[in-house]
Amino acid sequence: SIAHRGLSSSGSSQEPPEPPKCPQEAAPGEELAWGEEPVP
């Protein structure tokens, strides 16, 4: 229900290919999304 649907009026969902990882769940060495700071 909170996924971004884009501006499509046809009702088709235009979701991003892969949502960013939940930061507290990221494994050591995984890339962080959108400027997240690394967890020591």
ModelCIF file with pLDDT and N, C-alpha, C, O atoms, coordinates in Angstrom:
data_MODEL
#
_entry.id   MODEL 
#
_entity.id                         1 
_entity.type                       polymer 
_entity.pdbx_number_of_molecules   1 
#
_entity_poly.entity_id                      1 
_entity_poly.type                           'polypeptide(L)' 
_entity_poly.nstd_linkage                   no 
_entity_poly.nstd_monomer                   no 
_entity_poly.pdbx_seq_one_letter_code       SIAHRGLSSSGSSQEPPEPPKCPQEAAPGEELAWGEEPVP 
_entity_poly.pdbx_seq_one_letter_code_can   SIAHRGLSSSGSSQEPPEPPKCPQEAAPGEELAWGEEPVP 
_entity_poly.pdbx_strand_id                 A 
#
loop_
_entity_poly_seq.entity_id 
_entity_poly_seq.num 
_entity_poly_seq.mon_id 
_entity_poly_seq.hetero 
1 1  SER n 
1 2  ILE n 
1 3  ALA n 
1 4  HIS n 
1 5  ARG n 
1 6  GLY n 
1 7  LEU n 
1 8  SER n 
1 9  SER n 
1 10 SER n 
1 11 GLY n 
1 12 SER n 
1 13 SER n 
1 14 GLN n 
1 15 GLU n 
1 16 PRO n 
1 17 PRO n 
1 18 GLU n 
1 19 PRO n 
1 20 PRO n 
1 21 LYS n 
1 22 CYS n 
1 23 PRO n 
1 24 GLN n 
1 25 GLU n 
1 26 ALA n 
1 27 ALA n 
1 28 PRO n 
1 29 GLY n 
1 30 GLU n 
1 31 GLU n 
1 32 LEU n 
1 33 ALA n 
1 34 TRP n 
1 35 GLY n 
1 36 GLU n 
1 37 GLU n 
1 38 PRO n 
1 39 VAL n 
1 40 PRO n 
#
_struct_asym.id          A 
_struct_asym.entity_id   1 
#
loop_
_ma_qa_metric.id 
_ma_qa_metric.mode 
_ma_qa_metric.name 
_ma_qa_metric.software_group_id 
_ma_qa_metric.type 
1 global pLDDT . pLDDT 
2 local  pLDDT . pLDDT 
#
_ma_qa_metric_global.metric_id      1 
_ma_qa_metric_global.metric_value   50.10 
_ma_qa_metric_global.model_id       1 
_ma_qa_metric_global.ordinal_id     1 
#
loop_
_ma_qa_metric_local.label_asym_id 
_ma_qa_metric_local.label_comp_id 
_ma_qa_metric_local.label_seq_id 
_ma_qa_metric_local.metric_id 
_ma_qa_metric_local.metric_value 
_ma_qa_metric_local.model_id 
_ma_qa_metric_local.ordinal_id 
A SER 1  2 90.00 1 1  
A ILE 2  2 92.00 1 2  
A ALA 3  2 87.00 1 3  
A HIS 4  2 74.00 1 4  
A ARG 5  2 67.00 1 5  
A GLY 6  2 57.00 1 6  
A LEU 7  2 45.00 1 7  
A SER 8  2 40.00 1 8  
A SER 9  2 38.00 1 9  
A SER 10 2 38.00 1 10 
A GLY 11 2 41.00 1 11 
A SER 12 2 40.00 1 12 
A SER 13 2 41.00 1 13 
A GLN 14 2 43.00 1 14 
A GLU 15 2 42.00 1 15 
A PRO 16 2 42.00 1 16 
A PRO 17 2 41.00 1 17 
A GLU 18 2 46.00 1 18 
A PRO 19 2 44.00 1 19 
A PRO 20 2 47.00 1 20 
A LYS 21 2 51.00 1 21 
A CYS 22 2 60.00 1 22 
A PRO 23 2 48.00 1 23 
A GLN 24 2 47.00 1 24 
A GLU 25 2 49.00 1 25 
A ALA 26 2 44.00 1 26 
A ALA 27 2 45.00 1 27 
A PRO 28 2 44.00 1 28 
A GLY 29 2 45.00 1 29 
A GLU 30 2 46.00 1 30 
A GLU 31 2 45.00 1 31 
A LEU 32 2 43.00 1 32 
A ALA 33 2 45.00 1 33 
A TRP 34 2 44.00 1 34 
A GLY 35 2 45.00 1 35 
A GLU 36 2 45.00 1 36 
A GLU 37 2 49.00 1 37 
A PRO 38 2 50.00 1 38 
A VAL 39 2 52.00 1 39 
A PRO 40 2 52.00 1 40 
#
loop_
_atom_site.group_PDB 
_atom_site.id 
_atom_site.type_symbol 
_atom_site.label_atom_id 
_atom_site.label_alt_id 
_atom_site.label_comp_id 
_atom_site.label_asym_id 
_atom_site.label_entity_id 
_atom_site.label_seq_id 
_atom_site.pdbx_PDB_ins_code 
_atom_site.Cartn_x 
_atom_site.Cartn_y 
_atom_site.Cartn_z 
_atom_site.occupancy 
_atom_site.B_iso_or_equiv 
_atom_site.pdbx_formal_charge 
_atom_site.auth_seq_id 
_atom_site.auth_comp_id 
_atom_site.auth_asym_id 
_atom_site.auth_atom_id 
_atom_site.pdbx_PDB_model_num 
ATOM 1   N N  . SER A 1 1  ? 0.815  -1.219 0.000   1.00 90.00 ? 1  SER A N  1 
ATOM 2   C CA . SER A 1 1  ? 0.000  0.000  0.000   1.00 90.00 ? 1  SER A CA 1 
ATOM 3   C C  . SER A 1 1  ? 0.851  1.272  0.000   1.00 90.00 ? 1  SER A C  1 
ATOM 4   O O  . SER A 1 1  ? 0.367  2.338  -0.382  1.00 90.00 ? 1  SER A O  1 
ATOM 5   N N  . ILE A 1 2  ? 2.119  1.169  0.427   1.00 92.00 ? 2  ILE A N  1 
ATOM 6   C CA . ILE A 1 2  ? 2.957  2.373  0.429   1.00 92.00 ? 2  ILE A CA 1 
ATOM 7   C C  . ILE A 1 2  ? 3.956  2.378  -0.719  1.00 92.00 ? 2  ILE A C  1 
ATOM 8   O O  . ILE A 1 2  ? 4.714  3.335  -0.877  1.00 92.00 ? 2  ILE A O  1 
ATOM 9   N N  . ALA A 1 3  ? 3.964  1.303  -1.535  1.00 87.00 ? 3  ALA A N  1 
ATOM 10  C CA . ALA A 1 3  ? 4.883  1.244  -2.668  1.00 87.00 ? 3  ALA A CA 1 
ATOM 11  C C  . ALA A 1 3  ? 4.554  2.363  -3.646  1.00 87.00 ? 3  ALA A C  1 
ATOM 12  O O  . ALA A 1 3  ? 3.385  2.671  -3.881  1.00 87.00 ? 3  ALA A O  1 
ATOM 13  N N  . HIS A 1 4  ? 5.584  2.963  -4.208  1.00 74.00 ? 4  HIS A N  1 
ATOM 14  C CA . HIS A 1 4  ? 5.392  4.056  -5.156  1.00 74.00 ? 4  HIS A CA 1 
ATOM 15  C C  . HIS A 1 4  ? 4.813  3.506  -6.441  1.00 74.00 ? 4  HIS A C  1 
ATOM 16  O O  . HIS A 1 4  ? 5.366  2.575  -7.028  1.00 74.00 ? 4  HIS A O  1 
ATOM 17  N N  . ARG A 1 5  ? 3.705  4.074  -6.881  1.00 67.00 ? 5  ARG A N  1 
ATOM 18  C CA . ARG A 1 5  ? 3.011  3.590  -8.066  1.00 67.00 ? 5  ARG A CA 1 
ATOM 19  C C  . ARG A 1 5  ? 3.348  4.401  -9.314  1.00 67.00 ? 5  ARG A C  1 
ATOM 20  O O  . ARG A 1 5  ? 2.870  4.079  -10.402 1.00 67.00 ? 5  ARG A O  1 
ATOM 21  N N  . GLY A 1 6  ? 4.151  5.431  -9.180  1.00 57.00 ? 6  GLY A N  1 
ATOM 22  C CA . GLY A 1 6  ? 4.467  6.262  -10.346 1.00 57.00 ? 6  GLY A CA 1 
ATOM 23  C C  . GLY A 1 6  ? 3.279  7.129  -10.707 1.00 57.00 ? 6  GLY A C  1 
ATOM 24  O O  . GLY A 1 6  ? 2.333  7.241  -9.928  1.00 57.00 ? 6  GLY A O  1 
ATOM 25  N N  . LEU A 1 7  ? 3.317  7.741  -11.873 1.00 45.00 ? 7  LEU A N  1 
ATOM 26  C CA . LEU A 1 7  ? 2.253  8.641  -12.297 1.00 45.00 ? 7  LEU A CA 1 
ATOM 27  C C  . LEU A 1 7  ? 1.313  7.956  -13.275 1.00 45.00 ? 7  LEU A C  1 
ATOM 28  O O  . LEU A 1 7  ? 0.500  8.625  -13.911 1.00 45.00 ? 7  LEU A O  1 
ATOM 29  N N  . SER A 1 8  ? 1.402  6.661  -13.408 1.00 40.00 ? 8  SER A N  1 
ATOM 30  C CA . SER A 1 8  ? 0.579  5.921  -14.355 1.00 40.00 ? 8  SER A CA 1 
ATOM 31  C C  . SER A 1 8  ? -0.879 5.959  -13.920 1.00 40.00 ? 8  SER A C  1 
ATOM 32  O O  . SER A 1 8  ? -1.200 5.639  -12.775 1.00 40.00 ? 8  SER A O  1 
ATOM 33  N N  . SER A 1 9  ? -1.759 6.349  -14.834 1.00 38.00 ? 9  SER A N  1 
ATOM 34  C CA . SER A 1 9  ? -3.184 6.387  -14.500 1.00 38.00 ? 9  SER A CA 1 
ATOM 35  C C  . SER A 1 9  ? -3.852 5.073  -14.883 1.00 38.00 ? 9  SER A C  1 
ATOM 36  O O  . SER A 1 9  ? -5.027 4.876  -14.574 1.00 38.00 ? 9  SER A O  1 
ATOM 37  N N  . SER A 1 10 ? -3.132 4.166  -15.551 1.00 38.00 ? 10 SER A N  1 
ATOM 38  C CA . SER A 1 10 ? -3.716 2.889  -15.962 1.00 38.00 ? 10 SER A CA 1 
ATOM 39  C C  . SER A 1 10 ? -3.838 1.933  -14.775 1.00 38.00 ? 10 SER A C  1 
ATOM 40  O O  . SER A 1 10 ? -4.450 0.872  -14.896 1.00 38.00 ? 10 SER A O  1 
ATOM 41  N N  . GLY A 1 11 ? -3.267 2.300  -13.642 1.00 41.00 ? 11 GLY A N  1 
ATOM 42  C CA . GLY A 1 11 ? -3.350 1.463  -12.451 1.00 41.00 ? 11 GLY A CA 1 
ATOM 43  C C  . GLY A 1 11 ? -2.245 0.428  -12.391 1.00 41.00 ? 11 GLY A C  1 
ATOM 44  O O  . GLY A 1 11 ? -2.153 -0.329 -11.424 1.00 41.00 ? 11 GLY A O  1 
ATOM 45  N N  . SER A 1 12 ? -1.398 0.387  -13.421 1.00 40.00 ? 12 SER A N  1 
ATOM 46  C CA . SER A 1 12 ? -0.304 -0.583 -13.363 1.00 40.00 ? 12 SER A CA 1 
ATOM 47  C C  . SER A 1 12 ? 0.786  -0.056 -12.456 1.00 40.00 ? 12 SER A C  1 
ATOM 48  O O  . SER A 1 12 ? 1.095  1.135  -12.445 1.00 40.00 ? 12 SER A O  1 
ATOM 49  N N  . SER A 1 13 ? 1.346  -0.949 -11.715 1.00 41.00 ? 13 SER A N  1 
ATOM 50  C CA . SER A 1 13 ? 2.353  -0.570 -10.727 1.00 41.00 ? 13 SER A CA 1 
ATOM 51  C C  . SER A 1 13 ? 3.712  -0.397 -11.384 1.00 41.00 ? 13 SER A C  1 
ATOM 52  O O  . SER A 1 13 ? 4.138  -1.250 -12.163 1.00 41.00 ? 13 SER A O  1 
ATOM 53  N N  . GLN A 1 14 ? 4.394  0.695  -11.081 1.00 43.00 ? 14 GLN A N  1 
ATOM 54  C CA . GLN A 1 14 ? 5.742  0.925  -11.577 1.00 43.00 ? 14 GLN A CA 1 
ATOM 55  C C  . GLN A 1 14 ? 6.668  0.990  -10.383 1.00 43.00 ? 14 GLN A C  1 
ATOM 56  O O  . GLN A 1 14 ? 7.010  2.074  -9.910  1.00 43.00 ? 14 GLN A O  1 
ATOM 57  N N  . GLU A 1 15 ? 7.071  -0.161 -9.900  1.00 42.00 ? 15 GLU A N  1 
ATOM 58  C CA . GLU A 1 15 ? 7.868  -0.230 -8.688  1.00 42.00 ? 15 GLU A CA 1 
ATOM 59  C C  . GLU A 1 15 ? 9.344  -0.180 -9.017  1.00 42.00 ? 15 GLU A C  1 
ATOM 60  O O  . GLU A 1 15 ? 9.743  -0.595 -10.105 1.00 42.00 ? 15 GLU A O  1 
ATOM 61  N N  . PRO A 1 16 ? 10.165 0.318  -8.108  1.00 42.00 ? 16 PRO A N  1 
ATOM 62  C CA . PRO A 1 16 ? 11.601 0.294  -8.336  1.00 42.00 ? 16 PRO A CA 1 
ATOM 63  C C  . PRO A 1 16 ? 12.070 -1.153 -8.417  1.00 42.00 ? 16 PRO A C  1 
ATOM 64  O O  . PRO A 1 16 ? 11.467 -2.029 -7.798  1.00 42.00 ? 16 PRO A O  1 
ATOM 65  N N  . PRO A 1 17 ? 13.138 -1.420 -9.172  1.00 41.00 ? 17 PRO A N  1 
ATOM 66  C CA . PRO A 1 17 ? 13.581 -2.795 -9.364  1.00 41.00 ? 17 PRO A CA 1 
ATOM 67  C C  . PRO A 1 17 ? 13.892 -3.529 -8.059  1.00 41.00 ? 17 PRO A C  1 
ATOM 68  O O  . PRO A 1 17 ? 13.453 -4.666 -7.886  1.00 41.00 ? 17 PRO A O  1 
ATOM 69  N N  . GLU A 1 18 ? 14.617 -2.931 -7.162  1.00 46.00 ? 18 GLU A N  1 
ATOM 70  C CA . GLU A 1 18 ? 14.997 -3.584 -5.906  1.00 46.00 ? 18 GLU A CA 1 
ATOM 71  C C  . GLU A 1 18 ? 14.945 -2.547 -4.800  1.00 46.00 ? 18 GLU A C  1 
ATOM 72  O O  . GLU A 1 18 ? 15.725 -1.596 -4.835  1.00 46.00 ? 18 GLU A O  1 
ATOM 73  N N  . PRO A 1 19 ? 14.040 -2.689 -3.795  1.00 44.00 ? 19 PRO A N  1 
ATOM 74  C CA . PRO A 1 19 ? 14.015 -1.692 -2.726  1.00 44.00 ? 19 PRO A CA 1 
ATOM 75  C C  . PRO A 1 19 ? 15.298 -1.761 -1.912  1.00 44.00 ? 19 PRO A C  1 
ATOM 76  O O  . PRO A 1 19 ? 15.914 -2.821 -1.802  1.00 44.00 ? 19 PRO A O  1 
ATOM 77  N N  . PRO A 1 20 ? 15.699 -0.632 -1.342  1.00 47.00 ? 20 PRO A N  1 
ATOM 78  C CA . PRO A 1 20 ? 16.919 -0.636 -0.525  1.00 47.00 ? 20 PRO A CA 1 
ATOM 79  C C  . PRO A 1 20 ? 16.737 -1.509 0.698   1.00 47.00 ? 20 PRO A C  1 
ATOM 80  O O  . PRO A 1 20 ? 15.619 -1.702 1.175   1.00 47.00 ? 20 PRO A O  1 
ATOM 81  N N  . LYS A 1 21 ? 17.823 -2.028 1.196   1.00 51.00 ? 21 LYS A N  1 
ATOM 82  C CA . LYS A 1 21 ? 17.795 -2.897 2.372   1.00 51.00 ? 21 LYS A CA 1 
ATOM 83  C C  . LYS A 1 21 ? 17.425 -2.092 3.614   1.00 51.00 ? 21 LYS A C  1 
ATOM 84  O O  . LYS A 1 21 ? 17.734 -0.904 3.715   1.00 51.00 ? 21 LYS A O  1 
ATOM 85  N N  . CYS A 1 22 ? 16.776 -2.739 4.533   1.00 60.00 ? 22 CYS A N  1 
ATOM 86  C CA . CYS A 1 22 ? 16.472 -2.159 5.834   1.00 60.00 ? 22 CYS A CA 1 
ATOM 87  C C  . CYS A 1 22 ? 17.824 -2.017 6.541   1.00 60.00 ? 22 CYS A C  1 
ATOM 88  O O  . CYS A 1 22 ? 18.459 -3.038 6.806   1.00 60.00 ? 22 CYS A O  1 
ATOM 89  N N  . PRO A 1 23 ? 18.301 -0.801 6.862   1.00 48.00 ? 23 PRO A N  1 
ATOM 90  C CA . PRO A 1 23 ? 19.676 -0.629 7.347   1.00 48.00 ? 23 PRO A CA 1 
ATOM 91  C C  . PRO A 1 23 ? 20.054 -1.500 8.523   1.00 48.00 ? 23 PRO A C  1 
ATOM 92  O O  . PRO A 1 23 ? 21.168 -2.023 8.557   1.00 48.00 ? 23 PRO A O  1 
ATOM 93  N N  . GLN A 1 24 ? 19.161 -1.680 9.500   1.00 47.00 ? 24 GLN A N  1 
ATOM 94  C CA . GLN A 1 24 ? 19.572 -2.465 10.653  1.00 47.00 ? 24 GLN A CA 1 
ATOM 95  C C  . GLN A 1 24 ? 19.686 -3.939 10.307  1.00 47.00 ? 24 GLN A C  1 
ATOM 96  O O  . GLN A 1 24 ? 20.180 -4.721 11.119  1.00 47.00 ? 24 GLN A O  1 
ATOM 97  N N  . GLU A 1 25 ? 19.234 -4.344 9.103   1.00 49.00 ? 25 GLU A N  1 
ATOM 98  C CA . GLU A 1 25 ? 19.306 -5.733 8.686   1.00 49.00 ? 25 GLU A CA 1 
ATOM 99  C C  . GLU A 1 25 ? 20.481 -5.987 7.741   1.00 49.00 ? 25 GLU A C  1 
ATOM 100 O O  . GLU A 1 25 ? 20.790 -7.143 7.454   1.00 49.00 ? 25 GLU A O  1 
ATOM 101 N N  . ALA A 1 26 ? 21.150 -4.924 7.247   1.00 44.00 ? 26 ALA A N  1 
ATOM 102 C CA . ALA A 1 26 ? 22.209 -5.094 6.254   1.00 44.00 ? 26 ALA A CA 1 
ATOM 103 C C  . ALA A 1 26 ? 23.373 -5.887 6.845   1.00 44.00 ? 26 ALA A C  1 
ATOM 104 O O  . ALA A 1 26 ? 23.799 -5.660 7.978   1.00 44.00 ? 26 ALA A O  1 
ATOM 105 N N  . ALA A 1 27 ? 23.867 -6.813 6.047   1.00 45.00 ? 27 ALA A N  1 
ATOM 106 C CA . ALA A 1 27 ? 25.009 -7.611 6.481   1.00 45.00 ? 27 ALA A CA 1 
ATOM 107 C C  . ALA A 1 27 ? 26.280 -6.797 6.324   1.00 45.00 ? 27 ALA A C  1 
ATOM 108 O O  . ALA A 1 27 ? 26.328 -5.907 5.475   1.00 45.00 ? 27 ALA A O  1 
ATOM 109 N N  . PRO A 1 28 ? 27.319 -7.071 7.116   1.00 44.00 ? 28 PRO A N  1 
ATOM 110 C CA . PRO A 1 28 ? 28.571 -6.334 6.976   1.00 44.00 ? 28 PRO A CA 1 
ATOM 111 C C  . PRO A 1 28 ? 29.088 -6.440 5.547   1.00 44.00 ? 28 PRO A C  1 
ATOM 112 O O  . PRO A 1 28 ? 29.116 -7.523 4.963   1.00 44.00 ? 28 PRO A O  1 
ATOM 113 N N  . GLY A 1 29 ? 29.496 -5.304 4.993   1.00 45.00 ? 29 GLY A N  1 
ATOM 114 C CA . GLY A 1 29 ? 30.045 -5.278 3.652   1.00 45.00 ? 29 GLY A CA 1 
ATOM 115 C C  . GLY A 1 29 ? 29.004 -5.037 2.572   1.00 45.00 ? 29 GLY A C  1 
ATOM 116 O O  . GLY A 1 29 ? 29.368 -4.768 1.427   1.00 45.00 ? 29 GLY A O  1 
ATOM 117 N N  . GLU A 1 30 ? 27.692 -5.126 2.908   1.00 46.00 ? 30 GLU A N  1 
ATOM 118 C CA . GLU A 1 30 ? 26.670 -4.843 1.903   1.00 46.00 ? 30 GLU A CA 1 
ATOM 119 C C  . GLU A 1 30 ? 26.637 -3.355 1.633   1.00 46.00 ? 30 GLU A C  1 
ATOM 120 O O  . GLU A 1 30 ? 26.922 -2.540 2.510   1.00 46.00 ? 30 GLU A O  1 
ATOM 121 N N  . GLU A 1 31 ? 26.282 -3.010 0.392   1.00 45.00 ? 31 GLU A N  1 
ATOM 122 C CA . GLU A 1 31 ? 26.192 -1.590 0.049   1.00 45.00 ? 31 GLU A CA 1 
ATOM 123 C C  . GLU A 1 31 ? 24.982 -0.987 0.730   1.00 45.00 ? 31 GLU A C  1 
ATOM 124 O O  . GLU A 1 31 ? 23.951 -1.642 0.885   1.00 45.00 ? 31 GLU A O  1 
ATOM 125 N N  . LEU A 1 32 ? 25.113 0.260  1.133   1.00 43.00 ? 32 LEU A N  1 
ATOM 126 C CA . LEU A 1 32 ? 24.006 0.964  1.758   1.00 43.00 ? 32 LEU A CA 1 
ATOM 127 C C  . LEU A 1 32 ? 23.321 1.815  0.699   1.00 43.00 ? 32 LEU A C  1 
ATOM 128 O O  . LEU A 1 32 ? 23.945 2.233  -0.277  1.00 43.00 ? 32 LEU A O  1 
ATOM 129 N N  . ALA A 1 33 ? 22.046 2.064  0.898   1.00 45.00 ? 33 ALA A N  1 
ATOM 130 C CA . ALA A 1 33 ? 21.281 2.821  -0.083  1.00 45.00 ? 33 ALA A CA 1 
ATOM 131 C C  . ALA A 1 33 ? 21.170 4.281  0.304   1.00 45.00 ? 33 ALA A C  1 
ATOM 132 O O  . ALA A 1 33 ? 21.281 4.625  1.480   1.00 45.00 ? 33 ALA A O  1 
ATOM 133 N N  . TRP A 1 34 ? 20.955 5.124  -0.660  1.00 44.00 ? 34 TRP A N  1 
ATOM 134 C CA . TRP A 1 34 ? 20.721 6.562  -0.582  1.00 44.00 ? 34 TRP A CA 1 
ATOM 135 C C  . TRP A 1 34 ? 21.413 7.260  0.578   1.00 44.00 ? 34 TRP A C  1 
ATOM 136 O O  . TRP A 1 34 ? 20.764 7.844  1.445   1.00 44.00 ? 34 TRP A O  1 
ATOM 137 N N  . GLY A 1 35 ? 22.715 7.192  0.583   1.00 45.00 ? 35 GLY A N  1 
ATOM 138 C CA . GLY A 1 35 ? 23.516 7.980  1.525   1.00 45.00 ? 35 GLY A CA 1 
ATOM 139 C C  . GLY A 1 35 ? 23.458 7.531  2.967   1.00 45.00 ? 35 GLY A C  1 
ATOM 140 O O  . GLY A 1 35 ? 23.755 8.317  3.866   1.00 45.00 ? 35 GLY A O  1 
ATOM 141 N N  . GLU A 1 36 ? 23.083 6.289  3.213   1.00 45.00 ? 36 GLU A N  1 
ATOM 142 C CA . GLU A 1 36 ? 23.058 5.815  4.592   1.00 45.00 ? 36 GLU A CA 1 
ATOM 143 C C  . GLU A 1 36 ? 24.485 5.733  5.120   1.00 45.00 ? 36 GLU A C  1 
ATOM 144 O O  . GLU A 1 36 ? 25.431 5.463  4.380   1.00 45.00 ? 36 GLU A O  1 
ATOM 145 N N  . GLU A 1 37 ? 24.606 5.969  6.384   1.00 49.00 ? 37 GLU A N  1 
ATOM 146 C CA . GLU A 1 37 ? 25.920 5.875  6.995   1.00 49.00 ? 37 GLU A CA 1 
ATOM 147 C C  . GLU A 1 37 ? 26.175 4.435  7.397   1.00 49.00 ? 37 GLU A C  1 
ATOM 148 O O  . GLU A 1 37 ? 25.260 3.743  7.844   1.00 49.00 ? 37 GLU A O  1 
ATOM 149 N N  . PRO A 1 38 ? 27.404 3.979  7.245   1.00 50.00 ? 38 PRO A N  1 
ATOM 150 C CA . PRO A 1 38 ? 27.691 2.595  7.619   1.00 50.00 ? 38 PRO A CA 1 
ATOM 151 C C  . PRO A 1 38 ? 27.564 2.379  9.124   1.00 50.00 ? 38 PRO A C  1 
ATOM 152 O O  . PRO A 1 38 ? 27.855 3.266  9.926   1.00 50.00 ? 38 PRO A O  1 
ATOM 153 N N  . VAL A 1 39 ? 27.132 1.205  9.473   1.00 52.00 ? 39 VAL A N  1 
ATOM 154 C CA . VAL A 1 39 ? 27.015 0.836  10.886  1.00 52.00 ? 39 VAL A CA 1 
ATOM 155 C C  . VAL A 1 39 ? 28.329 0.176  11.277  1.00 52.00 ? 39 VAL A C  1 
ATOM 156 O O  . VAL A 1 39 ? 28.752 -0.782 10.630  1.00 52.00 ? 39 VAL A O  1 
ATOM 157 N N  . PRO A 1 40 ? 28.991 0.677  12.337  1.00 52.00 ? 40 PRO A N  1 
ATOM 158 C CA . PRO A 1 40 ? 30.250 0.046  12.730  1.00 52.00 ? 40 PRO A CA 1 
ATOM 159 C C  . PRO A 1 40 ? 30.017 -1.408 13.138  1.00 52.00 ? 40 PRO A C  1 
ATOM 160 O O  . PRO A 1 40 ? 30.963 -2.107 13.501  1.00 52.00 ? 40 PRO A O  1 
#
